[in-house]
Each structure stands twice: as structure tokens, then as C-alpha cells.
Amino acid sequence: MRRAKAVGFGLLGAYLLSYAYARVFVFHAVEQYTGAEGKSGPRKDYITKRDRPAGEGWEYQVFLPTIKVEEGITNYLHNR
């Protein structure tokens, strides 16, 4: 049981480390405002691959759970 936990934590650590790498070199955040002229109203950030719409590419699908968590945290912090 102890070995299974160690392997699980190791895989989780590798996943998060690879997401951090991808976040720096593959993805970027896009800001979108819902009000008039794009400057008023709540701000919504979303993460996408560079030069591609959100949701495209295998990298996006692999890291989708982590992307959604990060988007939720940043939207909460900007809109409270």
C-alpha cells in the first residue's frame, strides 16, 4: 500500500511538473471582458495554446483538468 501511494504521488508530481513546463512554453492566458468596448464588466481568463483557439491540440486535452482548475482560481480572484 505504501508503495502504491509513492507511485501515485510520483505520477501526480510528474504531471504537475509537466503542466508547469507546458504552461510556460506551450500555453498562454487570454483575457476577455464582457462589457462595452471590452473594458467594463467581469473579466474572464482562459488558457489556450499559443496561436490556436482554446480546446485544440492534444496538449490541451491532456492538461484539461488542471487548466480548468487554474481558470477557476483566476476567475474567482479577479471577480470577487
PDB file of N, CA and C in Angstrom:
ATOM      1  N   MET A   1       0.817  -1.194   0.000  1.00  0.00           N
ATOM      2  CA  MET A   1       0.000   0.000   0.000  1.00  0.00           C
ATOM      3  C   MET A   1       0.870   1.272   0.000  1.00  0.00           C
ATOM      4  N   ARG A   2       1.930   1.232   0.777  1.00  0.00           N
ATOM      5  CA  ARG A   2       2.820   2.384   0.864  1.00  0.00           C
ATOM      6  C   ARG A   2       3.492   2.659  -0.483  1.00  0.00           C
ATOM      7  N   ARG A   3       3.846   1.585  -1.188  1.00  0.00           N
ATOM      8  CA  ARG A   3       4.490   1.732  -2.488  1.00  0.00           C
ATOM      9  C   ARG A   3       3.516   2.311  -3.520  1.00  0.00           C
ATOM     10  N   ALA A   4       2.265   1.898  -3.458  1.00  0.00           N
ATOM     11  CA  ALA A   4       1.248   2.414  -4.377  1.00  0.00           C
ATOM     12  C   ALA A   4       1.038   3.918  -4.161  1.00  0.00           C
ATOM     13  N   LYS A   5       1.045   4.368  -2.926  1.00  0.00           N
ATOM     14  CA  LYS A   5       0.924   5.804  -2.647  1.00  0.00           C
ATOM     15  C   LYS A   5       2.115   6.570  -3.192  1.00  0.00           C
ATOM     16  N   ALA A   6       3.304   6.000  -3.021  1.00  0.00           N
ATOM     17  CA  ALA A   6       4.516   6.656  -3.513  1.00  0.00           C
ATOM     18  C   ALA A   6       4.477   6.773  -5.033  1.00  0.00           C
ATOM     19  N   VAL A   7       4.034   5.727  -5.699  1.00  0.00           N
ATOM     20  CA  VAL A   7       3.926   5.771  -7.158  1.00  0.00           C
ATOM     21  C   VAL A   7       2.875   6.799  -7.569  1.00  0.00           C
ATOM     22  N   GLY A   8       1.742   6.833  -6.873  1.00  0.00           N
ATOM     23  CA  GLY A   8       0.685   7.810  -7.173  1.00  0.00           C
ATOM     24  C   GLY A   8       1.173   9.238  -7.003  1.00  0.00           C
ATOM     25  N   PHE A   9       1.857   9.503  -5.902  1.00  0.00           N
ATOM     26  CA  PHE A   9       2.386  10.851  -5.686  1.00  0.00           C
ATOM     27  C   PHE A   9       3.464  11.198  -6.709  1.00  0.00           C
ATOM     28  N   GLY A  10       4.247  10.207  -7.095  1.00  0.00           N
ATOM     29  CA  GLY A  10       5.267  10.431  -8.119  1.00  0.00           C
ATOM     30  C   GLY A  10       4.648  10.790  -9.466  1.00  0.00           C
ATOM     31  N   LEU A  11       3.588  10.076  -9.838  1.00  0.00           N
ATOM     32  CA  LEU A  11       2.898  10.372 -11.093  1.00  0.00           C
ATOM     33  C   LEU A  11       2.217  11.738 -11.045  1.00  0.00           C
ATOM     34  N   LEU A  12       1.604  12.055  -9.913  1.00  0.00           N
ATOM     35  CA  LEU A  12       0.976  13.371  -9.763  1.00  0.00           C
ATOM     36  C   LEU A  12       2.017  14.481  -9.848  1.00  0.00           C
ATOM     37  N   GLY A  13       3.161  14.270  -9.220  1.00  0.00           N
ATOM     38  CA  GLY A  13       4.228  15.256  -9.288  1.00  0.00           C
ATOM     39  C   GLY A  13       4.760  15.438 -10.698  1.00  0.00           C
ATOM     40  N   ALA A  14       4.919  14.334 -11.422  1.00  0.00           N
ATOM     41  CA  ALA A  14       5.388  14.422 -12.805  1.00  0.00           C
ATOM     42  C   ALA A  14       4.367  15.142 -13.684  1.00  0.00           C
ATOM     43  N   TYR A  15       3.074  14.869 -13.460  1.00  0.00           N
ATOM     44  CA  TYR A  15       2.012  15.524 -14.218  1.00  0.00           C
ATOM     45  C   TYR A  15       2.020  17.029 -13.968  1.00  0.00           C
ATOM     46  N   LEU A  16       2.110  17.423 -12.696  1.00  0.00           N
ATOM     47  CA  LEU A  16       2.111  18.854 -12.369  1.00  0.00           C
ATOM     48  C   LEU A  16       3.374  19.551 -12.863  1.00  0.00           C
ATOM     49  N   LEU A  17       4.498  18.878 -12.803  1.00  0.00           N
ATOM     50  CA  LEU A  17       5.744  19.457 -13.314  1.00  0.00           C
ATOM     51  C   LEU A  17       5.670  19.629 -14.834  1.00  0.00           C
ATOM     52  N   SER A  18       5.114  18.645 -15.522  1.00  0.00           N
ATOM     53  CA  SER A  18       4.983  18.772 -16.975  1.00  0.00           C
ATOM     54  C   SER A  18       3.966  19.842 -17.339  1.00  0.00           C
ATOM     55  N   TYR A  19       2.918  20.030 -16.511  1.00  0.00           N
ATOM     56  CA  TYR A  19       1.976  21.124 -16.763  1.00  0.00           C
ATOM     57  C   TYR A  19       2.660  22.474 -16.579  1.00  0.00           C
ATOM     58  N   ALA A  20       3.478  22.594 -15.553  1.00  0.00           N
ATOM     59  CA  ALA A  20       4.204  23.848 -15.336  1.00  0.00           C
ATOM     60  C   ALA A  20       5.089  24.167 -16.542  1.00  0.00           C
ATOM     61  N   TYR A  21       5.761  23.175 -17.074  1.00  0.00           N
ATOM     62  CA  TYR A  21       6.594  23.375 -18.269  1.00  0.00           C
ATOM     63  C   TYR A  21       5.727  23.805 -19.450  1.00  0.00           C
ATOM     64  N   ALA A  22       4.613  23.094 -19.662  1.00  0.00           N
ATOM     65  CA  ALA A  22       3.722  23.423 -20.777  1.00  0.00           C
ATOM     66  C   ALA A  22       3.100  24.800 -20.586  1.00  0.00           C
ATOM     67  N   ARG A  23       2.810  25.177 -19.366  1.00  0.00           N
ATOM     68  CA  ARG A  23       2.201  26.480 -19.095  1.00  0.00           C
ATOM     69  C   ARG A  23       3.150  27.616 -19.466  1.00  0.00           C
ATOM     70  N   VAL A  24       4.427  27.390 -19.306  1.00  0.00           N
ATOM     71  CA  VAL A  24       5.419  28.409 -19.633  1.00  0.00           C
ATOM     72  C   VAL A  24       5.704  28.453 -21.134  1.00  0.00           C
ATOM     73  N   PHE A  25       5.817  27.291 -21.768  1.00  0.00           N
ATOM     74  CA  PHE A  25       6.280  27.248 -23.153  1.00  0.00           C
ATOM     75  C   PHE A  25       5.203  26.942 -24.196  1.00  0.00           C
ATOM     76  N   VAL A  26       4.062  26.377 -23.821  1.00  0.00           N
ATOM     77  CA  VAL A  26       3.051  25.970 -24.793  1.00  0.00           C
ATOM     78  C   VAL A  26       1.786  26.809 -24.690  1.00  0.00           C
ATOM     79  N   PHE A  27       1.324  27.079 -23.475  1.00  0.00           N
ATOM     80  CA  PHE A  27       0.058  27.767 -23.265  1.00  0.00           C
ATOM     81  C   PHE A  27       0.257  29.232 -22.905  1.00  0.00           C
ATOM     82  N   HIS A  28      -0.811  30.011 -23.059  1.00  0.00           N
ATOM     83  CA  HIS A  28      -0.830  31.370 -22.541  1.00  0.00           C
ATOM     84  C   HIS A  28      -2.269  31.713 -22.156  1.00  0.00           C
ATOM     85  N   ALA A  29      -2.424  32.720 -21.314  1.00  0.00           N
ATOM     86  CA  ALA A  29      -3.743  33.137 -20.855  1.00  0.00           C
ATOM     87  C   ALA A  29      -4.260  34.248 -21.751  1.00  0.00           C
ATOM     88  N   VAL A  30      -5.548  34.200 -22.022  1.00  0.00           N
ATOM     89  CA  VAL A  30      -6.206  35.211 -22.836  1.00  0.00           C
ATOM     90  C   VAL A  30      -7.248  35.890 -21.959  1.00  0.00           C
ATOM     91  N   GLU A  31      -7.232  37.212 -21.930  1.00  0.00           N
ATOM     92  CA  GLU A  31      -8.209  37.966 -21.144  1.00  0.00           C
ATOM     93  C   GLU A  31      -9.366  38.362 -22.041  1.00  0.00           C
ATOM     94  N   GLN A  32     -10.583  38.241 -21.513  1.00  0.00           N
ATOM     95  CA  GLN A  32     -11.762  38.618 -22.273  1.00  0.00           C
ATOM     96  C   GLN A  32     -12.696  39.382 -21.335  1.00  0.00           C
ATOM     97  N   TYR A  33     -13.133  40.552 -21.772  1.00  0.00           N
ATOM     98  CA  TYR A  33     -14.051  41.360 -20.991  1.00  0.00           C
ATOM     99  C   TYR A  33     -15.422  41.305 -21.645  1.00  0.00           C
ATOM    100  N   THR A  34     -16.474  41.282 -20.832  1.00  0.00           N
ATOM    101  CA  THR A  34     -17.823  41.098 -21.371  1.00  0.00           C
ATOM    102  C   THR A  34     -18.581  42.395 -21.577  1.00  0.00           C
ATOM    103  N   GLY A  35     -18.062  43.519 -21.133  1.00  0.00           N
ATOM    104  CA  GLY A  35     -18.779  44.784 -21.224  1.00  0.00           C
ATOM    105  C   GLY A  35     -18.550  45.513 -22.536  1.00  0.00           C
ATOM    106  N   ALA A  36     -19.078  46.726 -22.584  1.00  0.00           N
ATOM    107  CA  ALA A  36     -18.952  47.564 -23.781  1.00  0.00           C
ATOM    108  C   ALA A  36     -17.497  47.897 -24.047  1.00  0.00           C
ATOM    109  N   GLU A  37     -17.109  47.836 -25.294  1.00  0.00           N
ATOM    110  CA  GLU A  37     -15.753  48.117 -25.764  1.00  0.00           C
ATOM    111  C   GLU A  37     -14.708  47.236 -25.092  1.00  0.00           C
ATOM    112  N   GLY A  38     -15.154  46.156 -24.482  1.00  0.00           N
ATOM    113  CA  GLY A  38     -14.222  45.210 -23.889  1.00  0.00           C
ATOM    114  C   GLY A  38     -13.540  45.670 -22.628  1.00  0.00           C
ATOM    115  N   LYS A  39     -13.997  46.752 -22.006  1.00  0.00           N
ATOM    116  CA  LYS A  39     -13.295  47.263 -20.828  1.00  0.00           C
ATOM    117  C   LYS A  39     -14.135  47.247 -19.554  1.00  0.00           C
ATOM    118  N   SER A  40     -15.441  47.079 -19.644  1.00  0.00           N
ATOM    119  CA  SER A  40     -16.235  47.031 -18.425  1.00  0.00           C
ATOM    120  C   SER A  40     -16.851  45.647 -18.284  1.00  0.00           C
ATOM    121  N   GLY A  41     -17.416  45.391 -17.150  1.00  0.00           N
ATOM    122  CA  GLY A  41     -17.989  44.085 -16.912  1.00  0.00           C
ATOM    123  C   GLY A  41     -16.948  43.129 -16.377  1.00  0.00           C
ATOM    124  N   PRO A  42     -17.371  41.943 -16.007  1.00  0.00           N
ATOM    125  CA  PRO A  42     -16.411  40.999 -15.425  1.00  0.00           C
ATOM    126  C   PRO A  42     -15.404  40.490 -16.446  1.00  0.00           C
ATOM    127  N   ARG A  43     -14.240  40.218 -15.944  1.00  0.00           N
ATOM    128  CA  ARG A  43     -13.154  39.712 -16.780  1.00  0.00           C
ATOM    129  C   ARG A  43     -13.169  38.190 -16.727  1.00  0.00           C
ATOM    130  N   LYS A  44     -12.964  37.559 -17.859  1.00  0.00           N
ATOM    131  CA  LYS A  44     -12.870  36.102 -17.920  1.00  0.00           C
ATOM    132  C   LYS A  44     -11.557  35.742 -18.594  1.00  0.00           C
ATOM    133  N   ASP A  45     -10.756  34.971 -17.903  1.00  0.00           N
ATOM    134  CA  ASP A  45      -9.493  34.498 -18.463  1.00  0.00           C
ATOM    135  C   ASP A  45      -9.665  33.053 -18.905  1.00  0.00           C
ATOM    136  N   TYR A  46      -9.052  32.705 -19.978  1.00  0.00           N
ATOM    137  CA  TYR A  46      -9.000  31.301 -20.360  1.00  0.00           C
ATOM    138  C   TYR A  46      -7.630  31.000 -20.929  1.00  0.00           C
ATOM    139  N   ILE A  47      -7.272  29.731 -20.854  1.00  0.00           N
ATOM    140  CA  ILE A  47      -5.940  29.288 -21.257  1.00  0.00           C
ATOM    141  C   ILE A  47      -6.053  28.555 -22.583  1.00  0.00           C
ATOM    142  N   THR A  48      -5.147  28.845 -23.480  1.00  0.00           N
ATOM    143  CA  THR A  48      -5.152  28.214 -24.795  1.00  0.00           C
ATOM    144  C   THR A  48      -3.728  28.027 -25.276  1.00  0.00           C
ATOM    145  N   LYS A  49      -3.571  27.199 -26.295  1.00  0.00           N
ATOM    146  CA  LYS A  49      -2.253  27.056 -26.906  1.00  0.00           C
ATOM    147  C   LYS A  49      -1.926  28.339 -27.647  1.00  0.00           C
ATOM    148  N   ARG A  50      -0.662  28.630 -27.745  1.00  0.00           N
ATOM    149  CA  ARG A  50      -0.252  29.834 -28.465  1.00  0.00           C
ATOM    150  C   ARG A  50      -0.679  29.733 -29.928  1.00  0.00           C
ATOM    151  N   ASP A  51      -1.279  30.818 -30.420  1.00  0.00           N
ATOM    152  CA  ASP A  51      -1.713  30.928 -31.813  1.00  0.00           C
ATOM    153  C   ASP A  51      -2.782  29.916 -32.219  1.00  0.00           C
ATOM    154  N   ARG A  52      -3.566  29.415 -31.258  1.00  0.00           N
ATOM    155  CA  ARG A  52      -4.650  28.478 -31.564  1.00  0.00           C
ATOM    156  C   ARG A  52      -5.851  28.783 -30.667  1.00  0.00           C
ATOM    157  N   PRO A  53      -7.064  28.467 -31.140  1.00  0.00           N
ATOM    158  CA  PRO A  53      -8.228  28.639 -30.274  1.00  0.00           C
ATOM    159  C   PRO A  53      -8.220  27.643 -29.112  1.00  0.00           C
ATOM    160  N   ALA A  54      -8.934  27.976 -28.053  1.00  0.00           N
ATOM    161  CA  ALA A  54      -8.993  27.097 -26.879  1.00  0.00           C
ATOM    162  C   ALA A  54      -9.582  25.747 -27.263  1.00  0.00           C
ATOM    163  N   GLY A  55      -9.012  24.695 -26.739  1.00  0.00           N
ATOM    164  CA  GLY A  55      -9.513  23.354 -26.968  1.00  0.00           C
ATOM    165  C   GLY A  55      -8.804  22.572 -28.048  1.00  0.00           C
ATOM    166  N   GLU A  56      -7.945  23.183 -28.802  1.00  0.00           N
ATOM    167  CA  GLU A  56      -7.248  22.476 -29.882  1.00  0.00           C
ATOM    168  C   GLU A  56      -5.934  21.894 -29.394  1.00  0.00           C
ATOM    169  N   GLY A  57      -5.602  20.742 -29.911  1.00  0.00           N
ATOM    170  CA  GLY A  57      -4.313  20.124 -29.628  1.00  0.00           C
ATOM    171  C   GLY A  57      -4.387  19.079 -28.527  1.00  0.00           C
ATOM    172  N   TRP A  58      -3.525  18.085 -28.634  1.00  0.00           N
ATOM    173  CA  TRP A  58      -3.519  17.021 -27.637  1.00  0.00           C
ATOM    174  C   TRP A  58      -3.036  17.522 -26.283  1.00  0.00           C
ATOM    175  N   GLU A  59      -2.173  18.522 -26.284  1.00  0.00           N
ATOM    176  CA  GLU A  59      -1.674  19.053 -25.020  1.00  0.00           C
ATOM    177  C   GLU A  59      -2.815  19.626 -24.185  1.00  0.00           C
ATOM    178  N   TYR A  60      -3.725  20.314 -24.861  1.00  0.00           N
ATOM    179  CA  TYR A  60      -4.873  20.898 -24.162  1.00  0.00           C
ATOM    180  C   TYR A  60      -5.723  19.797 -23.535  1.00  0.00           C
ATOM    181  N   GLN A  61      -5.943  18.713 -24.255  1.00  0.00           N
ATOM    182  CA  GLN A  61      -6.766  17.625 -23.732  1.00  0.00           C
ATOM    183  C   GLN A  61      -6.096  16.914 -22.557  1.00  0.00           C
ATOM    184  N   VAL A  62      -4.791  16.751 -22.609  1.00  0.00           N
ATOM    185  CA  VAL A  62      -4.072  16.083 -21.522  1.00  0.00           C
ATOM    186  C   VAL A  62      -4.147  16.903 -20.246  1.00  0.00           C
ATOM    187  N   PHE A  63      -4.009  18.216 -20.364  1.00  0.00           N
ATOM    188  CA  PHE A  63      -3.971  19.073 -19.184  1.00  0.00           C
ATOM    189  C   PHE A  63      -5.305  19.758 -18.890  1.00  0.00           C
ATOM    190  N   LEU A  64      -6.398  19.314 -19.510  1.00  0.00           N
ATOM    191  CA  LEU A  64      -7.695  19.960 -19.334  1.00  0.00           C
ATOM    192  C   LEU A  64      -8.128  20.064 -17.870  1.00  0.00           C
ATOM    193  N   PRO A  65      -8.011  19.021 -17.031  1.00  0.00           N
ATOM    194  CA  PRO A  65      -8.418  19.186 -15.629  1.00  0.00           C
ATOM    195  C   PRO A  65      -7.634  20.288 -14.913  1.00  0.00           C
ATOM    196  N   THR A  66      -6.348  20.349 -15.128  1.00  0.00           N
ATOM    197  CA  THR A  66      -5.517  21.357 -14.476  1.00  0.00           C
ATOM    198  C   THR A  66      -5.804  22.740 -15.033  1.00  0.00           C
ATOM    199  N   ILE A  67      -6.069  22.841 -16.327  1.00  0.00           N
ATOM    200  CA  ILE A  67      -6.415  24.120 -16.933  1.00  0.00           C
ATOM    201  C   ILE A  67      -7.703  24.661 -16.331  1.00  0.00           C
ATOM    202  N   LYS A  68      -8.701  23.804 -16.168  1.00  0.00           N
ATOM    203  CA  LYS A  68      -9.986  24.235 -15.605  1.00  0.00           C
ATOM    204  C   LYS A  68      -9.834  24.694 -14.156  1.00  0.00           C
ATOM    205  N   VAL A  69      -9.003  24.012 -13.390  1.00  0.00           N
ATOM    206  CA  VAL A  69      -8.753  24.439 -12.007  1.00  0.00           C
ATOM    207  C   VAL A  69      -8.075  25.807 -11.993  1.00  0.00           C
ATOM    208  N   GLU A  70      -7.062  25.990 -12.826  1.00  0.00           N
ATOM    209  CA  GLU A  70      -6.369  27.284 -12.877  1.00  0.00           C
ATOM    210  C   GLU A  70      -7.302  28.396 -13.337  1.00  0.00           C
ATOM    211  N   GLU A  71      -8.116  28.134 -14.366  1.00  0.00           N
ATOM    212  CA  GLU A  71      -9.073  29.143 -14.834  1.00  0.00           C
ATOM    213  C   GLU A  71     -10.071  29.510 -13.748  1.00  0.00           C
ATOM    214  N   GLY A  72     -10.549  28.514 -13.020  1.00  0.00           N
ATOM    215  CA  GLY A  72     -11.492  28.778 -11.938  1.00  0.00           C
ATOM    216  C   GLY A  72     -10.891  29.638 -10.840  1.00  0.00           C
ATOM    217  N   ILE A  73      -9.666  29.350 -10.473  1.00  0.00           N
ATOM    218  CA  ILE A  73      -8.994  30.135  -9.435  1.00  0.00           C
ATOM    219  C   ILE A  73      -8.774  31.567  -9.882  1.00  0.00           C
ATOM    220  N   THR A  74      -8.270  31.751 -11.109  1.00  0.00           N
ATOM    221  CA  THR A  74      -8.004  33.124 -11.570  1.00  0.00           C
ATOM    222  C   THR A  74      -9.297  33.908 -11.766  1.00  0.00           C
ATOM    223  N   ASN A  75     -10.353  33.278 -12.273  1.00  0.00           N
ATOM    224  CA  ASN A  75     -11.620  33.987 -12.419  1.00  0.00           C
ATOM    225  C   ASN A  75     -12.211  34.370 -11.072  1.00  0.00           C
ATOM    226  N   TYR A  76     -12.084  33.494 -10.087  1.00  0.00           N
ATOM    227  CA  TYR A  76     -12.562  33.808  -8.739  1.00  0.00           C
ATOM    228  C   TYR A  76     -11.798  34.999  -8.164  1.00  0.00           C
ATOM    229  N   LEU A  77     -10.488  34.997  -8.305  1.00  0.00           N
ATOM    230  CA  LEU A  77      -9.682  36.075  -7.741  1.00  0.00           C
ATOM    231  C   LEU A  77      -9.933  37.407  -8.425  1.00  0.00           C
ATOM    232  N   HIS A  78     -10.187  37.398  -9.737  1.00  0.00           N
ATOM    233  CA  HIS A  78     -10.402  38.659 -10.460  1.00  0.00           C
ATOM    234  C   HIS A  78     -11.821  39.198 -10.316  1.00  0.00           C
ATOM    235  N   ASN A  79     -12.775  38.353  -9.995  1.00  0.00           N
ATOM    236  CA  ASN A  79     -14.171  38.780  -9.969  1.00  0.00           C
ATOM    237  C   ASN A  79     -14.765  38.884  -8.574  1.00  0.00           C
ATOM    238  N   ARG A  80     -13.956  38.823  -7.543  1.00  0.00           N
ATOM    239  CA  ARG A  80     -14.540  38.942  -6.202  1.00  0.00           C
ATOM    240  C   ARG A  80     -14.503  40.330  -5.691  1.00  0.00           C
TER     241      ARG A  80
END
